[in-house]
N, C-alpha and C. Protein backbone atom coordinates (compact mmCIF):
# COMPACT_ATOMS: atom_id res chain seq x y z
N MET A 1 -53.03 67.28 -14.14
CA MET A 1 -53.04 66.98 -13.12
C MET A 1 -52.34 65.76 -12.18
N SER A 2 -51.89 66.05 -11.22
CA SER A 2 -51.14 65.43 -10.27
C SER A 2 -52.51 63.94 -9.87
N ILE A 3 -51.82 62.80 -9.51
CA ILE A 3 -52.50 61.42 -8.89
C ILE A 3 -51.39 61.21 -7.73
N ARG A 4 -52.24 60.52 -7.18
CA ARG A 4 -52.13 59.15 -5.98
C ARG A 4 -51.71 58.11 -6.67
N ILE A 5 -50.76 57.34 -6.30
CA ILE A 5 -51.26 56.07 -7.21
C ILE A 5 -50.83 55.27 -6.34
N ALA A 6 -52.62 54.40 -6.08
CA ALA A 6 -52.62 53.48 -4.75
C ALA A 6 -52.67 52.22 -4.58
N ASP A 7 -52.54 52.06 -3.28
CA ASP A 7 -51.57 51.01 -2.82
C ASP A 7 -52.00 49.67 -3.73
N GLY A 8 -51.32 49.15 -4.47
CA GLY A 8 -51.61 47.75 -5.34
C GLY A 8 -51.57 48.08 -6.24
N ALA A 9 -51.60 49.47 -7.24
CA ALA A 9 -51.60 49.61 -8.45
C ALA A 9 -50.76 48.91 -9.49
N THR A 10 -51.80 48.91 -10.46
CA THR A 10 -49.95 48.41 -11.25
C THR A 10 -50.25 49.50 -12.15
N VAL A 11 -49.07 49.90 -12.72
CA VAL A 11 -48.34 50.95 -13.51
C VAL A 11 -47.56 50.19 -14.66
N LEU A 12 -48.34 50.79 -16.00
CA LEU A 12 -47.62 50.46 -17.21
C LEU A 12 -46.80 51.43 -17.87
N PHE A 13 -45.49 51.54 -18.65
CA PHE A 13 -45.52 52.34 -19.32
C PHE A 13 -45.53 51.41 -20.75
N GLN A 14 -45.87 52.50 -21.45
CA GLN A 14 -46.05 52.38 -23.25
C GLN A 14 -45.33 53.74 -24.08
N GLY A 15 -44.49 52.92 -25.41
CA GLY A 15 -43.66 53.87 -25.72
C GLY A 15 -42.55 53.08 -26.98
N ASP A 16 -42.36 53.01 -27.84
CA ASP A 16 -41.03 53.50 -28.21
C ASP A 16 -39.64 52.63 -27.76
N SER A 17 -38.69 53.40 -28.09
CA SER A 17 -37.11 52.81 -27.25
C SER A 17 -36.57 53.45 -26.79
N ILE A 18 -37.18 54.32 -26.02
CA ILE A 18 -36.93 55.30 -25.60
C ILE A 18 -37.33 54.80 -24.14
N THR A 19 -38.42 54.22 -24.31
CA THR A 19 -39.50 53.17 -22.89
C THR A 19 -38.55 52.15 -22.59
N ASP A 20 -38.72 51.43 -24.16
CA ASP A 20 -38.21 50.09 -24.24
C ASP A 20 -37.16 49.97 -23.32
N GLY A 21 -35.58 50.88 -23.70
CA GLY A 21 -34.77 50.97 -22.09
C GLY A 21 -33.77 49.02 -21.69
N GLY A 22 -34.24 48.48 -23.13
CA GLY A 22 -33.96 46.85 -23.08
C GLY A 22 -34.19 46.01 -22.42
N ARG A 23 -35.55 46.74 -21.60
CA ARG A 23 -36.10 46.31 -20.80
C ARG A 23 -36.53 44.71 -21.57
N SER A 24 -36.37 43.56 -20.23
CA SER A 24 -36.97 41.80 -21.03
C SER A 24 -38.31 41.75 -21.45
N ARG A 25 -38.09 40.47 -22.00
CA ARG A 25 -39.61 40.33 -23.11
C ARG A 25 -40.00 38.97 -22.06
N GLU A 26 -38.81 37.92 -21.19
CA GLU A 26 -39.71 37.43 -20.26
C GLU A 26 -39.56 37.64 -19.13
N ASP A 27 -38.93 38.65 -18.37
CA ASP A 27 -39.12 38.81 -16.72
C ASP A 27 -39.68 40.38 -17.06
N ASP A 28 -40.70 40.20 -16.22
CA ASP A 28 -41.34 41.47 -16.10
C ASP A 28 -40.83 42.76 -14.61
N GLY A 29 -40.22 41.81 -13.77
CA GLY A 29 -39.24 42.38 -13.13
C GLY A 29 -38.05 43.22 -13.01
N GLN A 30 -37.73 43.39 -14.61
CA GLN A 30 -36.65 43.63 -15.70
C GLN A 30 -37.23 44.36 -16.90
N LEU A 31 -37.54 45.75 -16.05
CA LEU A 31 -37.75 46.77 -16.77
C LEU A 31 -36.42 48.19 -17.83
N GLY A 32 -35.27 47.65 -17.40
CA GLY A 32 -34.66 48.10 -18.30
C GLY A 32 -34.20 48.62 -17.54
N GLY A 33 -32.66 49.38 -18.55
CA GLY A 33 -32.07 50.89 -17.92
C GLY A 33 -32.40 51.91 -18.43
N GLY A 34 -33.68 52.97 -18.40
CA GLY A 34 -34.34 53.52 -18.85
C GLY A 34 -34.88 54.00 -17.73
N TYR A 35 -35.78 55.39 -18.53
CA TYR A 35 -36.52 56.14 -17.45
C TYR A 35 -37.54 55.42 -16.45
N ALA A 36 -38.23 54.21 -16.79
CA ALA A 36 -39.50 53.51 -16.55
C ALA A 36 -38.39 52.69 -15.25
N ASN A 37 -37.20 52.25 -15.43
CA ASN A 37 -36.56 51.68 -14.03
C ASN A 37 -36.63 51.98 -13.44
N MET A 38 -35.72 53.68 -13.53
CA MET A 38 -35.60 54.56 -12.61
C MET A 38 -36.97 55.51 -11.96
N VAL A 39 -37.80 55.10 -12.77
CA VAL A 39 -39.19 55.85 -11.72
C VAL A 39 -39.39 54.54 -11.11
N ALA A 40 -39.45 53.64 -11.30
CA ALA A 40 -40.48 52.31 -9.93
C ALA A 40 -39.08 51.81 -9.12
N ALA A 41 -37.56 52.59 -9.68
CA ALA A 41 -36.79 52.13 -8.97
C ALA A 41 -37.36 53.34 -7.24
N TRP A 42 -36.95 54.21 -7.91
CA TRP A 42 -37.12 55.70 -6.90
C TRP A 42 -38.87 55.39 -6.07
N TYR A 43 -39.09 55.54 -6.95
CA TYR A 43 -41.05 55.09 -6.07
C TYR A 43 -41.02 54.27 -5.50
N SER A 44 -40.76 52.80 -5.35
CA SER A 44 -40.55 52.17 -4.81
C SER A 44 -39.41 52.50 -3.92
N ALA A 45 -38.97 52.46 -3.46
CA ALA A 45 -37.78 53.39 -2.70
C ALA A 45 -38.36 53.48 -1.47
N ALA A 46 -39.29 54.92 -2.05
CA ALA A 46 -39.62 55.89 -1.26
C ALA A 46 -41.74 55.62 -0.67
N HIS A 47 -41.87 54.57 -0.77
CA HIS A 47 -43.39 54.35 -0.63
C HIS A 47 -43.25 52.40 -1.41
N PRO A 48 -42.41 51.40 -0.08
CA PRO A 48 -42.14 50.30 -0.35
C PRO A 48 -43.56 49.94 -0.16
N GLU A 49 -43.98 50.23 0.87
CA GLU A 49 -45.74 49.57 1.85
C GLU A 49 -47.03 49.97 1.11
N ARG A 50 -46.89 50.41 0.03
CA ARG A 50 -47.78 50.62 -1.36
C ARG A 50 -47.93 49.30 -2.36
N GLN A 51 -46.77 48.47 -2.30
CA GLN A 51 -46.80 47.63 -3.57
C GLN A 51 -46.75 47.43 -4.74
N VAL A 52 -46.61 48.97 -5.21
CA VAL A 52 -47.20 49.36 -6.92
C VAL A 52 -46.57 48.93 -7.66
N ARG A 53 -47.07 47.48 -8.46
CA ARG A 53 -46.56 46.76 -9.92
C ARG A 53 -46.22 47.74 -10.61
N PHE A 54 -44.97 47.55 -11.56
CA PHE A 54 -44.37 48.60 -12.39
C PHE A 54 -44.08 47.69 -14.23
N LEU A 55 -44.78 47.76 -15.07
CA LEU A 55 -44.67 46.69 -16.56
C LEU A 55 -44.36 47.68 -17.35
N ASN A 56 -43.34 47.03 -17.78
CA ASN A 56 -42.72 47.95 -19.14
C ASN A 56 -43.06 47.27 -20.95
N ARG A 57 -43.79 47.99 -21.02
CA ARG A 57 -44.15 47.47 -22.93
C ARG A 57 -43.16 48.20 -24.10
N GLY A 58 -42.73 48.79 -23.93
CA GLY A 58 -42.04 49.82 -24.47
C GLY A 58 -41.45 48.70 -25.87
N ILE A 59 -41.66 49.16 -26.80
CA ILE A 59 -41.26 48.24 -28.13
C ILE A 59 -39.86 49.41 -29.22
N GLY A 60 -38.74 49.08 -28.86
CA GLY A 60 -38.61 50.13 -30.49
C GLY A 60 -38.47 50.13 -31.18
N GLY A 61 -38.55 51.68 -32.01
CA GLY A 61 -39.41 51.36 -33.13
C GLY A 61 -40.43 52.59 -33.39
N ASN A 62 -41.23 51.90 -32.57
CA ASN A 62 -42.73 51.53 -32.56
C ASN A 62 -43.10 53.13 -33.00
N ARG A 63 -45.09 53.21 -33.47
CA ARG A 63 -45.10 54.22 -33.75
C ARG A 63 -46.56 54.44 -32.88
N VAL A 64 -47.37 55.17 -33.56
CA VAL A 64 -48.38 54.86 -33.08
C VAL A 64 -49.00 53.79 -33.79
N LYS A 65 -49.64 53.84 -35.06
CA LYS A 65 -49.91 52.02 -35.68
C LYS A 65 -49.85 51.19 -34.99
N ASP A 66 -48.37 51.16 -34.54
CA ASP A 66 -47.74 49.62 -33.88
C ASP A 66 -48.34 49.62 -32.54
N LEU A 67 -48.45 50.58 -31.31
CA LEU A 67 -48.80 50.56 -30.66
C LEU A 67 -50.56 50.19 -30.94
N GLN A 68 -51.46 51.11 -31.78
CA GLN A 68 -53.41 50.47 -32.13
C GLN A 68 -52.98 48.94 -32.02
N SER A 69 -51.92 47.93 -33.34
CA SER A 69 -51.76 46.81 -33.12
C SER A 69 -51.77 46.21 -32.38
N ARG A 70 -51.05 46.61 -31.56
CA ARG A 70 -50.92 45.33 -30.01
C ARG A 70 -51.92 46.47 -28.72
N TRP A 71 -52.61 46.82 -29.11
CA TRP A 71 -53.37 47.76 -27.50
C TRP A 71 -54.05 46.43 -26.57
N GLN A 72 -54.85 45.07 -27.40
CA GLN A 72 -55.60 44.89 -27.00
C GLN A 72 -54.20 43.73 -25.59
N ALA A 73 -53.48 43.27 -26.14
CA ALA A 73 -52.38 42.43 -24.89
C ALA A 73 -51.31 42.68 -24.79
N ASP A 74 -51.31 44.28 -25.15
CA ASP A 74 -49.85 44.79 -24.65
C ASP A 74 -50.07 46.42 -23.61
N CYS A 75 -51.93 46.27 -23.85
CA CYS A 75 -52.07 47.49 -22.15
C CYS A 75 -53.68 46.87 -21.41
N LEU A 76 -54.48 46.64 -23.03
CA LEU A 76 -56.06 46.80 -21.99
C LEU A 76 -56.28 45.12 -21.12
N ASP A 77 -55.31 44.08 -21.77
CA ASP A 77 -55.44 42.82 -21.04
C ASP A 77 -54.64 42.73 -19.92
N LEU A 78 -53.64 43.91 -19.46
CA LEU A 78 -53.12 44.06 -18.38
C LEU A 78 -53.46 44.64 -16.96
N LYS A 79 -54.68 45.44 -17.64
CA LYS A 79 -55.54 46.28 -17.13
C LYS A 79 -54.44 47.35 -15.49
N PRO A 80 -53.89 48.60 -16.70
CA PRO A 80 -53.01 48.94 -15.14
C PRO A 80 -54.07 49.90 -14.90
N ASP A 81 -53.97 50.61 -13.21
CA ASP A 81 -54.43 51.36 -13.21
C ASP A 81 -54.08 53.12 -13.56
N VAL A 82 -51.97 53.29 -13.12
CA VAL A 82 -52.23 54.35 -13.98
C VAL A 82 -51.39 53.31 -15.50
N LEU A 83 -51.07 54.54 -16.71
CA LEU A 83 -50.76 54.19 -17.90
C LEU A 83 -49.86 55.71 -18.61
N SER A 84 -48.06 55.58 -18.84
CA SER A 84 -48.06 56.17 -19.26
C SER A 84 -47.36 56.21 -20.33
N ILE A 85 -47.52 56.84 -21.51
CA ILE A 85 -47.05 56.64 -22.74
C ILE A 85 -46.40 57.86 -23.40
N LEU A 86 -45.18 57.18 -23.80
CA LEU A 86 -44.44 58.51 -25.07
C LEU A 86 -44.15 57.98 -26.46
N ILE A 87 -44.60 58.88 -26.90
CA ILE A 87 -45.09 58.11 -28.20
C ILE A 87 -44.74 59.26 -29.46
N GLY A 88 -44.22 59.03 -30.42
CA GLY A 88 -43.85 60.30 -31.44
C GLY A 88 -42.77 60.40 -32.00
N ILE A 89 -42.03 59.73 -31.00
CA ILE A 89 -40.42 60.62 -32.01
C ILE A 89 -40.42 59.46 -33.05
N ASN A 90 -40.74 58.13 -33.20
CA ASN A 90 -40.86 57.74 -34.65
C ASN A 90 -41.66 58.16 -35.42
N ASP A 91 -42.63 58.31 -35.26
CA ASP A 91 -43.41 59.12 -36.33
C ASP A 91 -42.88 60.15 -36.81
N VAL A 92 -42.21 61.26 -36.11
CA VAL A 92 -40.94 62.38 -37.20
C VAL A 92 -40.09 61.56 -37.99
N TRP A 93 -39.26 60.55 -37.76
CA TRP A 93 -37.91 60.53 -37.67
C TRP A 93 -38.38 59.68 -39.06
N ARG A 94 -39.27 58.86 -39.09
CA ARG A 94 -39.13 57.76 -40.74
C ARG A 94 -39.21 58.94 -41.67
N ARG A 95 -40.11 60.04 -41.22
CA ARG A 95 -40.30 60.45 -42.62
C ARG A 95 -39.02 61.40 -43.26
N TYR A 96 -37.75 61.12 -41.90
CA TYR A 96 -36.60 61.88 -42.60
C TYR A 96 -35.28 60.62 -43.09
N ASP A 97 -35.39 59.79 -42.34
CA ASP A 97 -34.63 58.69 -42.85
C ASP A 97 -35.43 58.24 -43.64
N SER A 98 -36.71 57.58 -43.65
CA SER A 98 -37.60 56.37 -44.62
C SER A 98 -38.35 57.57 -45.76
N ASN A 99 -37.79 58.57 -45.89
CA ASN A 99 -39.45 58.94 -46.43
C ASN A 99 -40.56 58.17 -46.23
N ALA A 100 -40.89 57.49 -44.86
CA ALA A 100 -42.64 57.44 -44.40
C ALA A 100 -42.77 58.14 -43.38
N PRO A 101 -43.80 59.24 -43.90
CA PRO A 101 -44.13 60.71 -43.20
C PRO A 101 -45.27 60.02 -42.67
N THR A 102 -44.97 60.50 -41.26
CA THR A 102 -46.93 60.17 -40.54
C THR A 102 -47.12 61.80 -40.40
N ARG A 103 -48.14 62.05 -41.02
CA ARG A 103 -49.11 63.26 -41.25
C ARG A 103 -50.06 62.83 -39.26
N CYS A 104 -49.93 65.11 -39.40
CA CYS A 104 -49.88 64.77 -37.98
C CYS A 104 -51.46 64.66 -37.47
N GLU A 105 -52.13 64.04 -38.72
CA GLU A 105 -53.53 63.93 -38.36
C GLU A 105 -53.62 62.26 -38.07
N VAL A 106 -53.33 61.64 -39.10
CA VAL A 106 -53.39 60.15 -38.81
C VAL A 106 -52.15 60.38 -37.29
N TYR A 107 -51.46 60.91 -36.79
CA TYR A 107 -50.58 60.63 -35.85
C TYR A 107 -51.43 60.80 -34.33
N GLU A 108 -52.32 61.90 -34.87
CA GLU A 108 -53.35 62.15 -34.01
C GLU A 108 -54.67 61.65 -33.54
N THR A 109 -55.18 60.98 -34.40
CA THR A 109 -56.37 60.17 -34.95
C THR A 109 -55.82 58.58 -34.33
N GLY A 110 -54.58 58.10 -34.68
CA GLY A 110 -54.59 56.56 -34.16
C GLY A 110 -54.19 57.04 -31.78
N TYR A 111 -53.53 57.90 -32.16
CA TYR A 111 -53.23 58.13 -30.75
C TYR A 111 -54.37 58.54 -30.01
N ARG A 112 -55.54 59.62 -30.55
CA ARG A 112 -57.27 59.12 -29.48
C ARG A 112 -57.49 57.80 -29.32
N ASP A 113 -57.80 57.11 -30.65
CA ASP A 113 -58.18 55.24 -30.47
C ASP A 113 -57.24 55.07 -29.48
N ILE A 114 -56.61 54.95 -29.09
CA ILE A 114 -56.00 53.99 -28.06
C ILE A 114 -56.37 55.00 -26.69
N LEU A 115 -56.38 55.48 -26.64
CA LEU A 115 -57.01 56.49 -25.11
C LEU A 115 -58.24 56.39 -25.19
N ALA A 116 -59.06 56.62 -26.63
CA ALA A 116 -60.23 56.14 -26.39
C ALA A 116 -60.88 54.80 -25.51
N GLN A 117 -60.10 53.81 -26.17
CA GLN A 117 -60.18 52.08 -25.83
C GLN A 117 -59.48 51.98 -24.24
N VAL A 118 -58.49 52.57 -23.87
CA VAL A 118 -59.00 53.03 -22.35
C VAL A 118 -59.75 53.58 -20.80
N ARG A 119 -60.36 54.29 -21.81
CA ARG A 119 -61.52 55.52 -20.69
C ARG A 119 -62.86 54.40 -21.41
N GLU A 120 -62.86 52.97 -22.51
CA GLU A 120 -63.92 52.35 -22.66
C GLU A 120 -64.20 51.42 -21.67
N ASN A 121 -62.06 50.97 -21.77
CA ASN A 121 -62.43 49.67 -21.51
C ASN A 121 -61.92 49.53 -19.40
N LEU A 122 -61.16 50.42 -18.95
CA LEU A 122 -59.83 50.14 -18.21
C LEU A 122 -60.75 51.95 -16.63
N ASP A 123 -60.32 51.94 -16.22
CA ASP A 123 -60.19 53.33 -14.83
C ASP A 123 -58.76 53.74 -14.83
N ALA A 124 -58.05 54.03 -15.84
CA ALA A 124 -56.82 54.19 -15.66
C ALA A 124 -56.54 55.97 -15.64
N HIS A 125 -56.03 56.20 -14.73
CA HIS A 125 -55.12 57.39 -15.01
C HIS A 125 -53.92 58.25 -15.85
N LEU A 126 -54.42 58.10 -16.96
CA LEU A 126 -53.65 58.46 -18.10
C LEU A 126 -52.04 59.17 -17.79
N ILE A 127 -50.83 59.27 -18.16
CA ILE A 127 -50.00 60.20 -18.18
C ILE A 127 -49.16 60.07 -19.60
N LEU A 128 -49.39 61.14 -20.18
CA LEU A 128 -48.77 61.64 -21.43
C LEU A 128 -47.45 62.26 -21.71
N LEU A 129 -46.68 61.95 -21.94
CA LEU A 129 -45.21 62.50 -21.96
C LEU A 129 -44.98 62.99 -23.64
N GLU A 130 -44.84 64.18 -23.65
CA GLU A 130 -44.77 64.98 -24.38
C GLU A 130 -43.33 63.82 -25.36
N PRO A 131 -43.50 63.92 -26.94
CA PRO A 131 -42.68 63.69 -27.81
C PRO A 131 -41.01 65.09 -27.63
N PHE A 132 -39.85 64.84 -28.07
CA PHE A 132 -39.31 66.11 -28.03
C PHE A 132 -38.01 65.32 -29.21
N VAL A 133 -37.30 66.29 -29.06
CA VAL A 133 -36.11 66.06 -30.14
C VAL A 133 -35.29 67.35 -29.39
N LEU A 134 -33.43 66.72 -29.13
CA LEU A 134 -32.80 68.14 -28.94
C LEU A 134 -31.58 68.54 -30.75
N PRO A 135 -31.10 70.14 -30.25
CA PRO A 135 -30.46 69.91 -31.94
C PRO A 135 -29.49 69.07 -31.77
N THR A 136 -29.33 68.22 -31.65
CA THR A 136 -27.76 66.77 -32.20
C THR A 136 -28.08 65.99 -32.23
N PRO A 137 -27.56 65.17 -33.39
CA PRO A 137 -26.67 65.75 -34.47
C PRO A 137 -27.21 67.73 -35.27
N PRO A 138 -27.04 69.10 -35.83
CA PRO A 138 -27.37 69.91 -36.93
C PRO A 138 -28.66 69.58 -37.28
N ASP A 139 -28.85 68.57 -38.39
CA ASP A 139 -29.49 68.51 -38.71
C ASP A 139 -31.05 67.96 -38.25
N ARG A 140 -30.89 67.80 -36.91
CA ARG A 140 -32.39 67.56 -35.72
C ARG A 140 -33.95 69.35 -35.83
N GLU A 141 -32.43 69.89 -36.26
CA GLU A 141 -32.83 70.83 -35.63
C GLU A 141 -34.39 70.69 -37.17
N THR A 142 -34.37 70.59 -38.19
CA THR A 142 -34.97 70.35 -38.86
C THR A 142 -36.45 69.87 -38.84
N TRP A 143 -36.40 69.36 -38.04
CA TRP A 143 -37.78 68.32 -37.42
C TRP A 143 -38.56 69.06 -36.62
N ALA A 144 -38.23 69.50 -36.02
CA ALA A 144 -38.85 70.90 -35.56
C ALA A 144 -41.16 71.27 -36.49
N GLU A 145 -40.41 71.55 -37.75
CA GLU A 145 -41.49 71.32 -38.35
C GLU A 145 -42.29 69.90 -38.43
N ASP A 146 -42.30 68.87 -38.34
CA ASP A 146 -42.48 67.53 -38.13
C ASP A 146 -43.57 67.67 -36.78
N LEU A 147 -41.88 67.60 -35.90
CA LEU A 147 -42.22 68.01 -34.22
C LEU A 147 -43.38 68.43 -33.47
N GLY A 148 -43.03 69.66 -34.12
CA GLY A 148 -43.98 70.71 -33.50
C GLY A 148 -45.97 70.70 -33.25
N PRO A 149 -46.12 70.31 -34.81
CA PRO A 149 -47.48 69.77 -34.73
C PRO A 149 -47.52 68.66 -34.10
N LYS A 150 -47.32 67.29 -33.64
CA LYS A 150 -47.56 66.65 -32.65
C LYS A 150 -47.44 66.18 -31.27
N ARG A 151 -46.50 67.42 -31.12
CA ARG A 151 -46.53 67.90 -29.92
C ARG A 151 -47.91 68.48 -29.12
N GLN A 152 -48.01 69.44 -30.16
CA GLN A 152 -49.54 69.69 -29.77
C GLN A 152 -50.74 69.19 -29.94
N ALA A 153 -50.49 68.12 -30.84
CA ALA A 153 -51.40 67.00 -30.29
C ALA A 153 -51.87 65.95 -29.38
N ALA A 154 -50.81 65.91 -28.97
CA ALA A 154 -50.49 65.14 -27.99
C ALA A 154 -51.08 66.52 -26.70
N ALA A 155 -50.83 67.93 -26.28
CA ALA A 155 -50.81 68.29 -25.80
C ALA A 155 -52.31 68.16 -25.45
N ARG A 156 -53.25 68.57 -26.67
CA ARG A 156 -54.36 68.35 -26.89
C ARG A 156 -54.99 67.09 -26.22
N LEU A 157 -54.51 66.09 -26.78
CA LEU A 157 -55.41 64.97 -25.86
C LEU A 157 -54.84 64.57 -24.90
N ALA A 158 -54.64 64.81 -24.31
CA ALA A 158 -53.93 64.78 -22.92
C ALA A 158 -55.05 65.50 -22.05
N ASP A 159 -55.50 67.08 -22.63
CA ASP A 159 -56.61 67.65 -22.32
C ASP A 159 -57.64 67.37 -22.01
N GLU A 160 -58.08 66.73 -23.61
CA GLU A 160 -59.24 66.21 -23.72
C GLU A 160 -59.52 64.67 -23.19
N PHE A 161 -58.22 64.03 -22.04
CA PHE A 161 -58.49 62.67 -21.89
C PHE A 161 -58.38 62.99 -20.11
N ASP A 162 -57.77 64.08 -19.82
CA ASP A 162 -58.05 64.11 -18.48
C ASP A 162 -56.66 63.70 -17.90
N ALA A 163 -55.64 63.66 -18.76
CA ALA A 163 -54.18 63.39 -18.67
C ALA A 163 -53.59 63.73 -17.90
N THR A 164 -52.75 63.35 -17.18
CA THR A 164 -51.48 64.67 -16.69
C THR A 164 -50.27 64.48 -17.91
N PHE A 165 -50.03 65.90 -18.00
CA PHE A 165 -48.94 66.01 -19.50
C PHE A 165 -47.85 66.48 -18.97
N VAL A 166 -46.80 65.91 -19.19
CA VAL A 166 -45.25 65.86 -19.09
C VAL A 166 -44.45 66.69 -19.88
N PRO A 167 -44.18 67.72 -20.06
CA PRO A 167 -43.59 68.59 -21.32
C PRO A 167 -42.36 68.58 -21.69
N LEU A 168 -42.15 67.12 -22.37
CA LEU A 168 -40.72 66.57 -21.61
C LEU A 168 -39.55 67.60 -22.74
N HIS A 169 -40.30 68.28 -23.94
CA HIS A 169 -39.55 68.97 -25.26
C HIS A 169 -39.02 70.51 -24.47
N SER A 170 -39.55 70.92 -23.69
CA SER A 170 -39.52 71.70 -22.99
C SER A 170 -38.21 71.68 -22.38
N ILE A 171 -38.65 70.80 -21.30
CA ILE A 171 -37.70 69.97 -20.15
C ILE A 171 -35.98 70.16 -20.30
N PHE A 172 -36.30 69.09 -22.08
CA PHE A 172 -35.05 68.95 -22.50
C PHE A 172 -34.56 70.03 -22.52
N GLN A 173 -34.82 71.13 -23.31
CA GLN A 173 -34.44 72.23 -23.97
C GLN A 173 -34.01 73.21 -22.99
N ASP A 174 -34.65 73.32 -21.74
CA ASP A 174 -34.19 74.13 -20.68
C ASP A 174 -32.82 73.47 -20.74
N ALA A 175 -33.20 71.77 -20.12
CA ALA A 175 -31.78 71.01 -19.99
C ALA A 175 -30.80 71.58 -20.55
N ALA A 176 -30.36 72.20 -21.99
CA ALA A 176 -29.21 72.12 -23.08
C ALA A 176 -28.83 73.27 -22.61
N GLN A 177 -29.56 74.46 -21.59
CA GLN A 177 -29.28 75.03 -21.77
C GLN A 177 -27.78 75.64 -20.56
N HIS A 178 -27.82 74.89 -19.78
CA HIS A 178 -27.07 74.24 -18.39
C HIS A 178 -25.83 73.12 -19.37
N ARG A 179 -25.93 71.97 -20.38
CA ARG A 179 -25.27 71.07 -20.39
C ARG A 179 -25.29 70.76 -21.88
N GLU A 180 -24.33 70.24 -22.95
CA GLU A 180 -24.84 70.49 -24.37
C GLU A 180 -25.73 69.16 -24.72
N PRO A 181 -26.16 69.87 -25.20
CA PRO A 181 -27.49 68.72 -25.94
C PRO A 181 -26.98 67.29 -25.77
N ALA A 182 -25.70 66.88 -26.52
CA ALA A 182 -25.46 66.02 -26.80
C ALA A 182 -25.21 64.44 -25.04
N PHE A 183 -24.77 65.63 -23.83
CA PHE A 183 -24.72 64.81 -22.66
C PHE A 183 -26.06 64.67 -22.22
N TRP A 184 -27.37 64.51 -23.00
CA TRP A 184 -28.72 64.58 -22.83
C TRP A 184 -28.93 63.50 -23.39
N ALA A 185 -28.82 63.77 -24.54
CA ALA A 185 -28.92 62.80 -25.68
C ALA A 185 -28.01 62.79 -27.24
N SER A 186 -27.33 61.54 -26.95
CA SER A 186 -26.07 61.99 -28.32
C SER A 186 -26.40 61.92 -29.50
N ASP A 187 -27.90 61.63 -29.95
CA ASP A 187 -28.68 61.34 -31.57
C ASP A 187 -29.59 62.41 -31.06
N GLY A 188 -29.41 63.24 -30.27
CA GLY A 188 -30.93 64.37 -29.87
C GLY A 188 -32.01 62.88 -29.52
N VAL A 189 -32.48 62.81 -29.53
CA VAL A 189 -33.32 60.96 -29.84
C VAL A 189 -33.68 60.38 -28.35
N HIS A 190 -32.42 59.01 -27.90
CA HIS A 190 -32.13 58.42 -27.01
C HIS A 190 -31.84 59.06 -26.19
N PRO A 191 -32.28 59.36 -25.02
CA PRO A 191 -31.68 59.78 -23.79
C PRO A 191 -30.08 58.51 -23.08
N SER A 192 -29.30 59.43 -22.56
CA SER A 192 -28.80 59.25 -21.79
C SER A 192 -28.69 58.38 -20.71
N GLN A 193 -28.05 57.86 -19.37
CA GLN A 193 -28.01 57.62 -18.64
C GLN A 193 -28.60 59.48 -17.69
N ALA A 194 -27.96 60.23 -17.88
CA ALA A 194 -28.65 61.43 -17.09
C ALA A 194 -29.85 62.38 -17.68
N GLY A 195 -30.04 62.09 -19.37
CA GLY A 195 -31.33 62.08 -20.02
C GLY A 195 -32.42 61.23 -19.20
N HIS A 196 -32.68 60.50 -18.89
CA HIS A 196 -33.48 59.49 -18.26
C HIS A 196 -33.89 59.58 -17.30
N ALA A 197 -32.74 60.07 -16.67
CA ALA A 197 -32.95 60.77 -14.73
C ALA A 197 -34.29 61.64 -14.79
N LEU A 198 -33.18 62.47 -15.95
CA LEU A 198 -34.44 63.23 -16.64
C LEU A 198 -35.25 63.48 -16.30
N ILE A 199 -36.06 62.35 -16.96
CA ILE A 199 -37.21 62.10 -17.98
C ILE A 199 -38.17 61.82 -16.17
N ALA A 200 -37.34 60.87 -15.51
CA ALA A 200 -37.73 60.59 -14.47
C ALA A 200 -38.13 61.28 -13.06
N GLN A 201 -37.72 62.24 -13.00
CA GLN A 201 -37.99 63.18 -11.80
C GLN A 201 -39.21 64.18 -12.97
N ALA A 202 -39.58 64.33 -14.08
CA ALA A 202 -39.98 65.07 -14.24
C ALA A 202 -41.59 64.21 -14.17
N TRP A 203 -41.89 63.37 -14.33
CA TRP A 203 -42.86 61.79 -14.56
C TRP A 203 -43.05 61.15 -12.69
N LEU A 204 -42.08 61.56 -12.11
CA LEU A 204 -42.43 61.58 -10.25
C LEU A 204 -43.10 62.92 -9.66
N SER A 205 -41.97 63.94 -10.88
CA SER A 205 -43.26 65.27 -10.13
C SER A 205 -44.17 65.36 -10.52
N ALA A 206 -44.39 65.14 -11.71
CA ALA A 206 -46.26 65.24 -12.67
C ALA A 206 -47.16 64.65 -11.73
N ALA A 207 -46.41 63.33 -11.66
CA ALA A 207 -47.92 62.18 -11.06
C ALA A 207 -47.46 62.88 -9.23
N GLY A 208 -46.90 63.97 -8.47
CA GLY A 208 -47.49 64.17 -7.22
C GLY A 208 -46.70 63.09 -7.06
N THR A 209 -44.93 62.62 -6.78
CA THR A 209 -44.55 61.69 -6.02
C THR A 209 -43.34 61.69 -5.10
């Protein structure tokens, strides 16, 4: 489902470090160095007359449970017209580096909770970005066992909530056929500038802009 972002709309990016991108905590105009900033820059350059406002509330290290804990202040109170969420890779990663897994049903239930709050309190269009990983270093390949069900959960939720779904995992897998995975994300998770640009392009295309 594509959308047209309305004149004067507020677009909110939510997620973990991939969305955070080093954003400012004091100046909403400083969206960081990642895809959120790229989306805002390209969209604003193409449609300056629409005066769309872009906000970034991504926080590095966040899992779904962290979004739940800050959802009122960092989403509902901001009253976005368009809400973009990329969350899930830390729900996978903590299983492998900290022995602190997030069961898929817990991930899906928590994710459904924040989306239901949006539906109950806001008239916002949802854009859900699929969590992804690239096979670099090689041990990332073992993450597929944990990531796969969470990718499927994100897709189910997009369907359930009539959201625009951006299939980033397959987009990055396809991109890795043209350049080595490390070109797009040196640790398989955090995108390079080219990787962020890939996300931004996919976001703008999915949003119909």
